[in-house]
Amino acid sequence: QVQLVESGGGLVQAGGSLRLSCAASGSIFSIDAMGWYRQAPGKRRELVADITGGGVTNYAHSVKGRFTISRDNAKNTVYLQMNNLKPEDTAVYYCNADLNFWGEGTLVTVSS
């Protein structure tokens, strides 16, 4: 089993920045890809960005150029740097490992 704990969410004005962190514990040796997903009220959960064990990244079109995903394998942590935030980025952000394990989520609210 893998446990994921997110942190770093909060309230920010449009144009501001936040950095989310996701700390992994448990059977972490089995983890390859990690990612961030988000779910806004009334909408389906969607991929924001993911990163393989080798560092290959993938982004949703809506966040490309504004968000950066990275990972520190020594700390078993994946990050999501979010810049130039927009009100439409408001959602609960979830960390995922290998499409099997999920964190409980952290709320990001962007005010206009």
N, C-alpha and C. Protein backbone atom coordinates (compact mmCIF):
# COMPACT_ATOMS: atom_id res chain seq x y z
N GLN A 1 0.83 -1.19 0.00
CA GLN A 1 0.00 0.00 0.00
C GLN A 1 0.87 1.25 0.00
N VAL A 2 0.33 2.29 -0.58
CA VAL A 2 1.00 3.58 -0.64
C VAL A 2 0.08 4.63 -0.03
N GLN A 3 0.62 5.45 0.83
CA GLN A 3 -0.14 6.54 1.42
C GLN A 3 0.38 7.86 0.84
N LEU A 4 -0.56 8.72 0.49
CA LEU A 4 -0.22 10.02 -0.10
C LEU A 4 -0.87 11.12 0.71
N VAL A 5 -0.09 12.12 1.06
CA VAL A 5 -0.60 13.24 1.84
C VAL A 5 -0.26 14.54 1.13
N GLU A 6 -1.31 15.27 0.73
CA GLU A 6 -1.12 16.54 0.04
C GLU A 6 -1.10 17.69 1.03
N SER A 7 -0.42 18.76 0.63
CA SER A 7 -0.42 20.00 1.41
C SER A 7 -0.15 21.16 0.48
N GLY A 8 -0.43 22.37 0.96
CA GLY A 8 -0.10 23.56 0.21
C GLY A 8 -1.26 24.28 -0.42
N GLY A 9 -2.47 23.73 -0.31
CA GLY A 9 -3.62 24.42 -0.87
C GLY A 9 -3.98 25.65 -0.06
N GLY A 10 -4.90 26.44 -0.59
CA GLY A 10 -5.33 27.63 0.12
C GLY A 10 -6.05 28.59 -0.79
N LEU A 11 -6.24 29.80 -0.29
CA LEU A 11 -6.93 30.85 -1.03
C LEU A 11 -5.90 31.83 -1.59
N VAL A 12 -6.02 32.13 -2.86
CA VAL A 12 -5.08 33.05 -3.50
C VAL A 12 -5.84 33.89 -4.51
N GLN A 13 -5.36 35.10 -4.75
CA GLN A 13 -5.98 35.94 -5.76
C GLN A 13 -5.52 35.53 -7.16
N ALA A 14 -6.34 35.84 -8.12
CA ALA A 14 -5.99 35.58 -9.51
C ALA A 14 -4.63 36.23 -9.83
N GLY A 15 -3.81 35.48 -10.53
CA GLY A 15 -2.46 35.93 -10.84
C GLY A 15 -1.41 35.50 -9.83
N GLY A 16 -1.86 34.97 -8.72
CA GLY A 16 -0.94 34.53 -7.68
C GLY A 16 -0.40 33.14 -7.92
N SER A 17 0.36 32.65 -6.94
CA SER A 17 1.03 31.35 -7.06
C SER A 17 0.81 30.53 -5.80
N LEU A 18 0.85 29.23 -5.97
CA LEU A 18 0.84 28.27 -4.87
C LEU A 18 1.71 27.10 -5.27
N ARG A 19 2.27 26.44 -4.26
CA ARG A 19 3.00 25.20 -4.53
C ARG A 19 2.38 24.09 -3.68
N LEU A 20 1.93 23.06 -4.37
CA LEU A 20 1.38 21.89 -3.70
C LEU A 20 2.48 20.85 -3.52
N SER A 21 2.39 20.12 -2.42
CA SER A 21 3.33 19.02 -2.16
C SER A 21 2.53 17.76 -1.89
N CYS A 22 3.12 16.63 -2.25
CA CYS A 22 2.51 15.33 -1.99
C CYS A 22 3.61 14.39 -1.50
N ALA A 23 3.49 14.00 -0.25
CA ALA A 23 4.47 13.11 0.36
C ALA A 23 3.95 11.68 0.32
N ALA A 24 4.77 10.80 -0.19
CA ALA A 24 4.40 9.39 -0.31
C ALA A 24 5.10 8.56 0.77
N SER A 25 4.39 7.58 1.28
CA SER A 25 4.97 6.65 2.25
C SER A 25 4.38 5.27 2.01
N GLY A 26 4.96 4.27 2.65
CA GLY A 26 4.50 2.91 2.46
C GLY A 26 5.36 2.19 1.43
N SER A 27 4.74 1.46 0.54
CA SER A 27 5.45 0.65 -0.46
C SER A 27 5.89 1.52 -1.63
N ILE A 28 6.68 2.53 -1.32
CA ILE A 28 7.04 3.53 -2.32
C ILE A 28 8.00 3.00 -3.38
N PHE A 29 8.66 1.86 -3.10
CA PHE A 29 9.60 1.33 -4.07
C PHE A 29 8.89 0.94 -5.36
N SER A 30 7.59 0.71 -5.28
CA SER A 30 6.84 0.26 -6.45
C SER A 30 6.32 1.41 -7.30
N ILE A 31 6.47 2.63 -6.84
CA ILE A 31 5.90 3.77 -7.55
C ILE A 31 6.74 4.16 -8.76
N ASP A 32 6.05 4.34 -9.90
CA ASP A 32 6.71 4.92 -11.07
C ASP A 32 6.11 6.30 -11.32
N ALA A 33 4.96 6.32 -11.98
CA ALA A 33 4.37 7.61 -12.32
C ALA A 33 3.59 8.19 -11.15
N MET A 34 3.70 9.50 -11.01
CA MET A 34 2.89 10.23 -10.04
C MET A 34 2.26 11.41 -10.74
N GLY A 35 1.11 11.81 -10.25
CA GLY A 35 0.41 12.89 -10.93
C GLY A 35 -0.47 13.69 -10.02
N TRP A 36 -0.91 14.81 -10.55
CA TRP A 36 -1.88 15.67 -9.89
C TRP A 36 -3.15 15.71 -10.73
N TYR A 37 -4.27 15.53 -10.07
CA TYR A 37 -5.58 15.64 -10.68
C TYR A 37 -6.36 16.71 -9.93
N ARG A 38 -7.42 17.18 -10.53
CA ARG A 38 -8.28 18.14 -9.82
C ARG A 38 -9.74 17.90 -10.17
N GLN A 39 -10.58 18.30 -9.23
CA GLN A 39 -12.01 18.16 -9.43
C GLN A 39 -12.71 19.42 -8.92
N ALA A 40 -13.32 20.12 -9.84
CA ALA A 40 -14.08 21.31 -9.50
C ALA A 40 -15.52 20.91 -9.19
N PRO A 41 -16.24 21.73 -8.45
CA PRO A 41 -17.63 21.39 -8.12
C PRO A 41 -18.46 21.13 -9.36
N GLY A 42 -19.15 20.00 -9.37
CA GLY A 42 -20.01 19.66 -10.48
C GLY A 42 -19.31 19.15 -11.72
N LYS A 43 -18.00 18.97 -11.62
CA LYS A 43 -17.23 18.51 -12.79
C LYS A 43 -16.52 17.20 -12.49
N ARG A 44 -16.08 16.55 -13.56
CA ARG A 44 -15.36 15.31 -13.41
C ARG A 44 -13.91 15.57 -13.01
N ARG A 45 -13.31 14.60 -12.34
CA ARG A 45 -11.90 14.71 -11.99
C ARG A 45 -11.09 14.66 -13.28
N GLU A 46 -10.09 15.52 -13.37
CA GLU A 46 -9.29 15.59 -14.59
C GLU A 46 -7.80 15.63 -14.26
N LEU A 47 -7.02 15.13 -15.19
CA LEU A 47 -5.57 15.17 -15.04
C LEU A 47 -5.08 16.61 -15.18
N VAL A 48 -4.20 17.00 -14.28
CA VAL A 48 -3.53 18.29 -14.37
C VAL A 48 -2.13 18.10 -14.94
N ALA A 49 -1.37 17.20 -14.33
CA ALA A 49 -0.01 16.93 -14.79
C ALA A 49 0.46 15.62 -14.19
N ASP A 50 1.36 14.94 -14.88
CA ASP A 50 1.97 13.76 -14.30
C ASP A 50 3.44 13.69 -14.69
N ILE A 51 4.15 12.84 -13.97
CA ILE A 51 5.59 12.72 -14.17
C ILE A 51 5.99 11.28 -13.94
N THR A 52 6.80 10.74 -14.83
CA THR A 52 7.26 9.37 -14.69
C THR A 52 8.46 9.30 -13.73
N GLY A 53 8.84 8.09 -13.40
CA GLY A 53 10.01 7.92 -12.56
C GLY A 53 11.27 8.49 -13.20
N GLY A 54 11.28 8.51 -14.53
CA GLY A 54 12.43 9.04 -15.25
C GLY A 54 12.36 10.54 -15.49
N GLY A 55 11.29 11.17 -15.03
CA GLY A 55 11.18 12.62 -15.13
C GLY A 55 10.45 13.15 -16.35
N VAL A 56 9.83 12.28 -17.12
CA VAL A 56 9.07 12.74 -18.28
C VAL A 56 7.74 13.32 -17.78
N THR A 57 7.43 14.52 -18.23
CA THR A 57 6.24 15.20 -17.74
C THR A 57 5.17 15.33 -18.82
N ASN A 58 3.95 15.51 -18.35
CA ASN A 58 2.80 15.66 -19.24
C ASN A 58 1.84 16.62 -18.56
N TYR A 59 1.28 17.55 -19.33
CA TYR A 59 0.40 18.57 -18.76
C TYR A 59 -0.91 18.66 -19.51
N ALA A 60 -1.95 19.01 -18.79
CA ALA A 60 -3.20 19.37 -19.44
C ALA A 60 -2.98 20.67 -20.20
N HIS A 61 -3.69 20.80 -21.30
CA HIS A 61 -3.51 22.00 -22.14
C HIS A 61 -3.82 23.27 -21.36
N SER A 62 -4.78 23.19 -20.46
CA SER A 62 -5.23 24.39 -19.76
C SER A 62 -4.21 24.93 -18.77
N VAL A 63 -3.22 24.13 -18.39
CA VAL A 63 -2.24 24.58 -17.40
C VAL A 63 -0.84 24.67 -17.97
N LYS A 64 -0.67 24.25 -19.20
CA LYS A 64 0.66 24.26 -19.81
C LYS A 64 1.22 25.67 -19.84
N GLY A 65 2.46 25.81 -19.39
CA GLY A 65 3.09 27.12 -19.34
C GLY A 65 2.88 27.86 -18.04
N ARG A 66 1.94 27.39 -17.22
CA ARG A 66 1.67 28.03 -15.93
C ARG A 66 2.03 27.12 -14.75
N PHE A 67 1.84 25.82 -14.91
CA PHE A 67 2.09 24.85 -13.84
C PHE A 67 3.34 24.04 -14.17
N THR A 68 4.06 23.64 -13.13
CA THR A 68 5.23 22.79 -13.29
C THR A 68 5.20 21.67 -12.27
N ILE A 69 5.28 20.44 -12.74
CA ILE A 69 5.33 19.28 -11.84
C ILE A 69 6.78 18.84 -11.71
N SER A 70 7.15 18.44 -10.51
CA SER A 70 8.50 17.94 -10.28
C SER A 70 8.45 16.92 -9.16
N ARG A 71 9.52 16.17 -9.02
CA ARG A 71 9.55 15.18 -7.94
C ARG A 71 10.95 15.11 -7.36
N ASP A 72 10.98 14.82 -6.08
CA ASP A 72 12.24 14.61 -5.36
C ASP A 72 12.19 13.18 -4.86
N ASN A 73 12.85 12.29 -5.57
CA ASN A 73 12.78 10.87 -5.22
C ASN A 73 13.42 10.58 -3.85
N ALA A 74 14.40 11.37 -3.48
CA ALA A 74 15.05 11.17 -2.18
C ALA A 74 14.08 11.47 -1.03
N LYS A 75 13.15 12.40 -1.28
CA LYS A 75 12.17 12.78 -0.26
C LYS A 75 10.82 12.13 -0.49
N ASN A 76 10.73 11.32 -1.57
CA ASN A 76 9.45 10.66 -1.90
C ASN A 76 8.32 11.68 -1.99
N THR A 77 8.60 12.79 -2.65
CA THR A 77 7.65 13.89 -2.71
C THR A 77 7.52 14.38 -4.14
N VAL A 78 6.30 14.70 -4.52
CA VAL A 78 6.05 15.31 -5.82
C VAL A 78 5.42 16.68 -5.56
N TYR A 79 5.78 17.63 -6.41
CA TYR A 79 5.35 19.01 -6.24
C TYR A 79 4.57 19.49 -7.46
N LEU A 80 3.74 20.47 -7.24
CA LEU A 80 3.06 21.15 -8.34
C LEU A 80 3.17 22.65 -8.08
N GLN A 81 4.03 23.31 -8.85
CA GLN A 81 4.15 24.75 -8.76
C GLN A 81 3.12 25.36 -9.69
N MET A 82 2.25 26.19 -9.14
CA MET A 82 1.16 26.78 -9.91
C MET A 82 1.33 28.29 -9.93
N ASN A 83 1.56 28.84 -11.10
CA ASN A 83 1.73 30.27 -11.27
C ASN A 83 0.60 30.85 -12.12
N ASN A 84 0.43 32.15 -12.02
CA ASN A 84 -0.60 32.85 -12.79
C ASN A 84 -1.95 32.14 -12.66
N LEU A 85 -2.33 31.88 -11.43
CA LEU A 85 -3.57 31.15 -11.18
C LEU A 85 -4.79 31.93 -11.64
N LYS A 86 -5.78 31.19 -12.10
CA LYS A 86 -7.02 31.76 -12.60
C LYS A 86 -8.19 31.22 -11.79
N PRO A 87 -9.29 31.94 -11.74
CA PRO A 87 -10.45 31.44 -10.99
C PRO A 87 -10.89 30.04 -11.44
N GLU A 88 -10.71 29.73 -12.71
CA GLU A 88 -11.10 28.41 -13.20
C GLU A 88 -10.17 27.30 -12.73
N ASP A 89 -9.10 27.65 -12.05
CA ASP A 89 -8.23 26.64 -11.44
C ASP A 89 -8.75 26.20 -10.08
N THR A 90 -9.79 26.84 -9.59
CA THR A 90 -10.38 26.48 -8.30
C THR A 90 -10.89 25.05 -8.34
N ALA A 91 -10.40 24.23 -7.40
CA ALA A 91 -10.76 22.81 -7.37
C ALA A 91 -10.10 22.17 -6.16
N VAL A 92 -10.50 20.94 -5.90
CA VAL A 92 -9.75 20.09 -4.98
C VAL A 92 -8.69 19.36 -5.81
N TYR A 93 -7.46 19.47 -5.38
CA TYR A 93 -6.34 18.86 -6.09
C TYR A 93 -5.93 17.58 -5.38
N TYR A 94 -5.83 16.51 -6.16
CA TYR A 94 -5.52 15.20 -5.62
C TYR A 94 -4.18 14.70 -6.19
N CYS A 95 -3.42 14.08 -5.32
CA CYS A 95 -2.19 13.43 -5.72
C CYS A 95 -2.50 11.96 -6.05
N ASN A 96 -1.81 11.44 -7.05
CA ASN A 96 -2.04 10.07 -7.47
C ASN A 96 -0.71 9.37 -7.72
N ALA A 97 -0.68 8.09 -7.40
CA ALA A 97 0.52 7.29 -7.67
C ALA A 97 0.12 6.08 -8.51
N ASP A 98 0.72 5.99 -9.68
CA ASP A 98 0.51 4.84 -10.56
C ASP A 98 -0.96 4.54 -10.83
N LEU A 99 -1.79 5.55 -10.81
CA LEU A 99 -3.22 5.43 -11.09
C LEU A 99 -3.94 4.48 -10.13
N ASN A 100 -3.26 4.11 -9.04
CA ASN A 100 -3.86 3.17 -8.09
C ASN A 100 -4.14 3.79 -6.73
N PHE A 101 -3.34 4.75 -6.33
CA PHE A 101 -3.42 5.30 -4.99
C PHE A 101 -3.72 6.80 -5.06
N TRP A 102 -4.56 7.25 -4.14
CA TRP A 102 -4.99 8.65 -4.11
C TRP A 102 -4.81 9.25 -2.73
N GLY A 103 -4.46 10.52 -2.70
CA GLY A 103 -4.51 11.27 -1.47
C GLY A 103 -5.92 11.76 -1.22
N GLU A 104 -6.11 12.45 -0.10
CA GLU A 104 -7.44 12.94 0.24
C GLU A 104 -7.77 14.28 -0.39
N GLY A 105 -6.77 14.92 -0.94
CA GLY A 105 -7.01 16.17 -1.65
C GLY A 105 -6.73 17.40 -0.84
N THR A 106 -6.42 18.49 -1.53
CA THR A 106 -6.22 19.78 -0.91
C THR A 106 -6.94 20.83 -1.76
N LEU A 107 -7.66 21.72 -1.09
CA LEU A 107 -8.50 22.68 -1.79
C LEU A 107 -7.69 23.91 -2.21
N VAL A 108 -7.83 24.26 -3.48
CA VAL A 108 -7.25 25.48 -4.01
C VAL A 108 -8.40 26.38 -4.46
N THR A 109 -8.44 27.58 -3.93
CA THR A 109 -9.47 28.54 -4.29
C THR A 109 -8.80 29.79 -4.83
N VAL A 110 -9.18 30.18 -6.04
CA VAL A 110 -8.61 31.36 -6.68
C VAL A 110 -9.71 32.40 -6.83
N SER A 111 -9.52 33.52 -6.18
CA SER A 111 -10.52 34.58 -6.24
C SER A 111 -10.21 35.56 -7.37
N SER A 112 -11.27 36.12 -7.93
CA SER A 112 -11.08 37.05 -9.06
C SER A 112 -10.91 38.48 -8.57
